[in-house]
């Protein structure tokens, strides 16, 4: 049974009904994901995750300090070393 219904505008937009916004915790600026289940022929709409890359890195590497920042010169030197190893004369 459907929770609510929406119509699509000529620009392809839809309004998310209040009941659905409350159930999913959607606020202005929230992102939604559309997933296709080919076996059942259905499309599921859900609220997208709100984790940043930094949140994920922090969780995965809790006990490790962040890597030491390198200067521009160190970065250029590392790239030059890699290029010499990778593309140097054999």
N, C-alpha and C. Protein backbone atom coordinates (compact mmCIF):
# COMPACT_ATOMS: atom_id res chain seq x y z
N UNK A 1 0.84 -1.18 0.00
CA UNK A 1 0.00 0.00 0.00
C UNK A 1 0.88 1.25 0.00
N UNK A 2 0.56 2.20 -0.80
CA UNK A 2 1.35 3.42 -0.93
C UNK A 2 1.17 4.33 0.28
N UNK A 3 2.25 5.00 0.68
CA UNK A 3 2.19 5.97 1.78
C UNK A 3 1.55 7.26 1.27
N UNK A 4 1.96 7.68 0.07
CA UNK A 4 1.47 8.92 -0.51
C UNK A 4 1.71 8.90 -2.01
N UNK A 5 1.18 9.89 -2.71
CA UNK A 5 1.38 10.00 -4.15
C UNK A 5 1.89 11.39 -4.49
N UNK A 6 2.65 11.47 -5.58
CA UNK A 6 3.15 12.75 -6.08
C UNK A 6 2.97 12.79 -7.58
N UNK A 7 2.81 13.98 -8.13
CA UNK A 7 2.76 14.16 -9.58
C UNK A 7 4.08 14.75 -10.04
N UNK A 8 4.46 14.42 -11.25
CA UNK A 8 5.68 14.94 -11.84
C UNK A 8 5.33 16.18 -12.66
N UNK A 9 6.12 17.26 -12.47
CA UNK A 9 5.88 18.48 -13.24
C UNK A 9 6.47 18.33 -14.63
N UNK A 10 6.21 19.29 -15.48
CA UNK A 10 6.74 19.24 -16.85
C UNK A 10 8.26 19.33 -16.87
N UNK A 11 8.87 19.84 -15.79
CA UNK A 11 10.33 19.91 -15.69
C UNK A 11 10.91 18.64 -15.05
N UNK A 12 10.07 17.64 -14.76
CA UNK A 12 10.54 16.39 -14.17
C UNK A 12 10.72 16.45 -12.67
N UNK A 13 10.15 17.44 -12.01
CA UNK A 13 10.27 17.57 -10.56
C UNK A 13 9.07 16.95 -9.86
N UNK A 14 9.31 16.52 -8.61
CA UNK A 14 8.20 16.02 -7.80
C UNK A 14 8.25 16.68 -6.43
N UNK A 15 7.12 16.74 -5.77
CA UNK A 15 7.07 17.21 -4.39
C UNK A 15 7.03 15.97 -3.51
N UNK A 16 7.83 15.98 -2.45
CA UNK A 16 7.83 14.86 -1.52
C UNK A 16 6.79 15.16 -0.45
N UNK A 17 5.78 14.30 -0.32
CA UNK A 17 4.72 14.55 0.65
C UNK A 17 5.25 14.66 2.08
N UNK A 18 4.54 15.43 2.91
CA UNK A 18 4.94 15.67 4.30
C UNK A 18 5.17 14.37 5.05
N UNK A 19 4.28 13.40 4.89
CA UNK A 19 4.41 12.13 5.61
C UNK A 19 5.73 11.43 5.27
N UNK A 20 6.12 11.49 4.01
CA UNK A 20 7.36 10.85 3.58
C UNK A 20 8.56 11.64 4.10
N UNK A 21 8.51 12.97 4.02
CA UNK A 21 9.61 13.80 4.53
C UNK A 21 9.84 13.54 6.01
N UNK A 22 8.76 13.44 6.77
CA UNK A 22 8.90 13.18 8.21
C UNK A 22 9.46 11.79 8.46
N UNK A 23 8.97 10.80 7.74
CA UNK A 23 9.41 9.41 7.92
C UNK A 23 10.90 9.26 7.60
N UNK A 24 11.38 9.95 6.55
CA UNK A 24 12.78 9.84 6.14
C UNK A 24 13.68 10.89 6.79
N UNK A 25 13.09 11.84 7.51
CA UNK A 25 13.89 12.89 8.13
C UNK A 25 14.48 13.85 7.11
N UNK A 26 13.74 14.13 6.06
CA UNK A 26 14.23 15.01 4.99
C UNK A 26 14.01 16.46 5.36
N UNK A 27 15.02 17.27 5.10
CA UNK A 27 14.94 18.72 5.30
C UNK A 27 15.44 19.38 4.02
N UNK A 28 15.21 20.67 3.84
CA UNK A 28 15.73 21.33 2.64
C UNK A 28 17.22 21.07 2.48
N UNK A 29 17.63 20.66 1.29
CA UNK A 29 19.03 20.35 1.01
C UNK A 29 19.36 18.87 1.15
N UNK A 30 18.42 18.06 1.66
CA UNK A 30 18.67 16.62 1.78
C UNK A 30 18.79 16.01 0.39
N UNK A 31 19.55 14.93 0.30
CA UNK A 31 19.74 14.23 -0.96
C UNK A 31 19.05 12.88 -0.88
N UNK A 32 18.41 12.50 -1.98
CA UNK A 32 17.71 11.21 -2.02
C UNK A 32 18.37 10.33 -3.08
N UNK A 33 18.35 9.02 -2.84
CA UNK A 33 18.90 8.05 -3.79
C UNK A 33 17.75 7.22 -4.36
N UNK A 34 17.88 6.91 -5.64
CA UNK A 34 16.91 6.07 -6.33
C UNK A 34 17.62 4.78 -6.71
N UNK A 35 17.13 3.65 -6.24
CA UNK A 35 17.75 2.36 -6.53
C UNK A 35 16.77 1.48 -7.29
N UNK A 36 17.29 0.81 -8.31
CA UNK A 36 16.45 -0.09 -9.12
C UNK A 36 16.68 -1.52 -8.68
N UNK A 37 15.58 -2.25 -8.47
CA UNK A 37 15.65 -3.68 -8.19
C UNK A 37 15.10 -4.37 -9.44
N UNK A 38 16.02 -4.80 -10.29
CA UNK A 38 15.60 -5.37 -11.58
C UNK A 38 14.81 -6.66 -11.43
N UNK A 39 15.13 -7.45 -10.40
CA UNK A 39 14.42 -8.71 -10.20
C UNK A 39 12.94 -8.49 -9.94
N UNK A 40 12.62 -7.48 -9.14
CA UNK A 40 11.23 -7.21 -8.78
C UNK A 40 10.59 -6.14 -9.66
N UNK A 41 11.39 -5.47 -10.49
CA UNK A 41 10.86 -4.42 -11.34
C UNK A 41 10.40 -3.21 -10.55
N UNK A 42 11.10 -2.92 -9.44
CA UNK A 42 10.72 -1.80 -8.58
C UNK A 42 11.88 -0.82 -8.45
N UNK A 43 11.53 0.43 -8.11
CA UNK A 43 12.51 1.45 -7.81
C UNK A 43 12.26 1.89 -6.37
N UNK A 44 13.33 1.94 -5.59
CA UNK A 44 13.24 2.35 -4.19
C UNK A 44 13.88 3.72 -4.03
N UNK A 45 13.23 4.57 -3.27
CA UNK A 45 13.75 5.90 -2.98
C UNK A 45 14.10 5.94 -1.51
N UNK A 46 15.32 6.42 -1.19
CA UNK A 46 15.71 6.53 0.21
C UNK A 46 16.58 7.75 0.40
N UNK A 47 16.72 8.16 1.64
CA UNK A 47 17.59 9.29 1.95
C UNK A 47 19.03 8.85 1.78
N UNK A 48 19.83 9.67 1.11
CA UNK A 48 21.24 9.34 0.88
C UNK A 48 22.02 9.56 2.16
N UNK A 49 23.13 8.81 2.28
CA UNK A 49 24.01 8.97 3.42
C UNK A 49 24.60 10.37 3.46
N UNK A 50 24.93 10.82 4.65
CA UNK A 50 25.44 12.18 4.80
C UNK A 50 26.87 12.16 5.33
N UNK A 51 27.61 11.09 5.07
CA UNK A 51 28.97 11.00 5.56
C UNK A 51 29.95 11.56 4.54
N UNK A 52 30.89 12.34 5.04
CA UNK A 52 31.93 12.88 4.17
C UNK A 52 33.09 11.91 4.12
N UNK A 53 34.02 12.15 3.20
CA UNK A 53 35.21 11.32 3.11
C UNK A 53 35.97 11.37 4.43
N UNK A 54 36.04 12.54 5.02
CA UNK A 54 36.77 12.69 6.29
C UNK A 54 36.11 11.87 7.40
N UNK A 55 34.77 11.82 7.44
CA UNK A 55 34.08 11.00 8.44
C UNK A 55 34.45 9.53 8.28
N UNK A 56 34.47 9.06 7.05
CA UNK A 56 34.77 7.65 6.79
C UNK A 56 36.22 7.35 7.12
N UNK A 57 37.14 8.23 6.71
CA UNK A 57 38.56 8.02 7.01
C UNK A 57 38.81 7.98 8.51
N UNK A 58 38.18 8.89 9.23
CA UNK A 58 38.35 8.95 10.69
C UNK A 58 37.85 7.66 11.34
N UNK A 59 36.77 7.12 10.86
CA UNK A 59 36.23 5.88 11.43
C UNK A 59 37.12 4.69 11.10
N UNK A 60 37.62 4.62 9.88
CA UNK A 60 38.46 3.49 9.48
C UNK A 60 39.83 3.50 10.15
N UNK A 61 40.37 4.68 10.37
CA UNK A 61 41.73 4.80 10.91
C UNK A 61 41.72 5.51 12.26
N UNK A 62 40.83 5.08 13.16
CA UNK A 62 40.67 5.72 14.47
C UNK A 62 41.97 5.83 15.25
N UNK A 63 42.72 4.76 15.27
CA UNK A 63 43.90 4.69 16.13
C UNK A 63 45.17 5.19 15.46
N UNK A 64 45.08 5.62 14.22
CA UNK A 64 46.25 6.10 13.51
C UNK A 64 46.20 7.62 13.38
N UNK A 65 47.33 8.27 13.63
CA UNK A 65 47.33 9.73 13.45
C UNK A 65 47.21 10.06 11.96
N UNK A 66 46.71 11.25 11.64
CA UNK A 66 46.62 11.63 10.23
C UNK A 66 48.02 11.66 9.61
N UNK A 67 48.14 11.39 8.32
CA UNK A 67 49.46 11.41 7.69
C UNK A 67 50.09 12.80 7.76
N UNK A 68 51.42 12.82 7.84
CA UNK A 68 52.16 14.07 7.89
C UNK A 68 52.00 14.80 6.56
N UNK A 69 51.71 16.08 6.63
CA UNK A 69 51.58 16.87 5.41
C UNK A 69 52.94 17.06 4.78
N UNK A 70 52.97 17.04 3.46
CA UNK A 70 54.22 17.22 2.73
C UNK A 70 54.23 18.60 2.08
N UNK A 71 55.43 19.13 1.96
CA UNK A 71 55.58 20.44 1.32
C UNK A 71 55.44 20.26 -0.20
N UNK A 72 55.29 21.36 -0.88
CA UNK A 72 55.18 21.33 -2.33
C UNK A 72 56.44 20.74 -2.95
N UNK A 73 57.57 21.10 -2.41
CA UNK A 73 58.84 20.57 -2.93
C UNK A 73 58.91 19.06 -2.75
N UNK A 74 58.47 18.54 -1.59
CA UNK A 74 58.48 17.10 -1.35
C UNK A 74 57.56 16.38 -2.33
N UNK A 75 56.39 16.98 -2.60
CA UNK A 75 55.46 16.39 -3.55
C UNK A 75 56.06 16.34 -4.95
N UNK A 76 56.66 17.44 -5.38
CA UNK A 76 57.28 17.49 -6.71
C UNK A 76 58.41 16.48 -6.82
N UNK A 77 59.21 16.35 -5.76
CA UNK A 77 60.31 15.40 -5.75
C UNK A 77 59.79 13.96 -5.85
N UNK A 78 58.72 13.66 -5.12
CA UNK A 78 58.12 12.33 -5.17
C UNK A 78 57.59 12.00 -6.56
N UNK A 79 56.96 12.96 -7.21
CA UNK A 79 56.44 12.75 -8.56
C UNK A 79 57.59 12.52 -9.54
N UNK A 80 58.64 13.33 -9.39
CA UNK A 80 59.81 13.17 -10.28
C UNK A 80 60.45 11.80 -10.09
N UNK A 81 60.57 11.34 -8.85
CA UNK A 81 61.14 10.01 -8.58
C UNK A 81 60.28 8.92 -9.23
N UNK A 82 58.97 9.05 -9.07
CA UNK A 82 58.07 8.06 -9.66
C UNK A 82 58.20 8.04 -11.18
N UNK A 83 58.24 9.22 -11.79
CA UNK A 83 58.35 9.30 -13.24
C UNK A 83 59.66 8.68 -13.73
N UNK A 84 60.75 8.93 -12.99
CA UNK A 84 62.04 8.34 -13.38
C UNK A 84 61.98 6.81 -13.28
N UNK A 85 61.37 6.29 -12.19
CA UNK A 85 61.26 4.83 -12.03
C UNK A 85 60.36 4.22 -13.10
N UNK A 86 59.25 4.86 -13.33
CA UNK A 86 58.22 4.31 -14.21
C UNK A 86 58.61 4.43 -15.69
N UNK A 87 59.13 5.59 -16.09
CA UNK A 87 59.34 5.86 -17.49
C UNK A 87 60.81 6.04 -17.86
N UNK A 88 61.72 5.82 -16.91
CA UNK A 88 63.14 5.98 -17.17
C UNK A 88 63.64 4.92 -18.13
N UNK A 89 64.84 5.11 -18.62
CA UNK A 89 65.42 4.15 -19.56
C UNK A 89 65.66 2.82 -18.86
N UNK A 90 65.42 1.75 -19.59
CA UNK A 90 65.58 0.41 -19.03
C UNK A 90 66.76 -0.28 -19.62
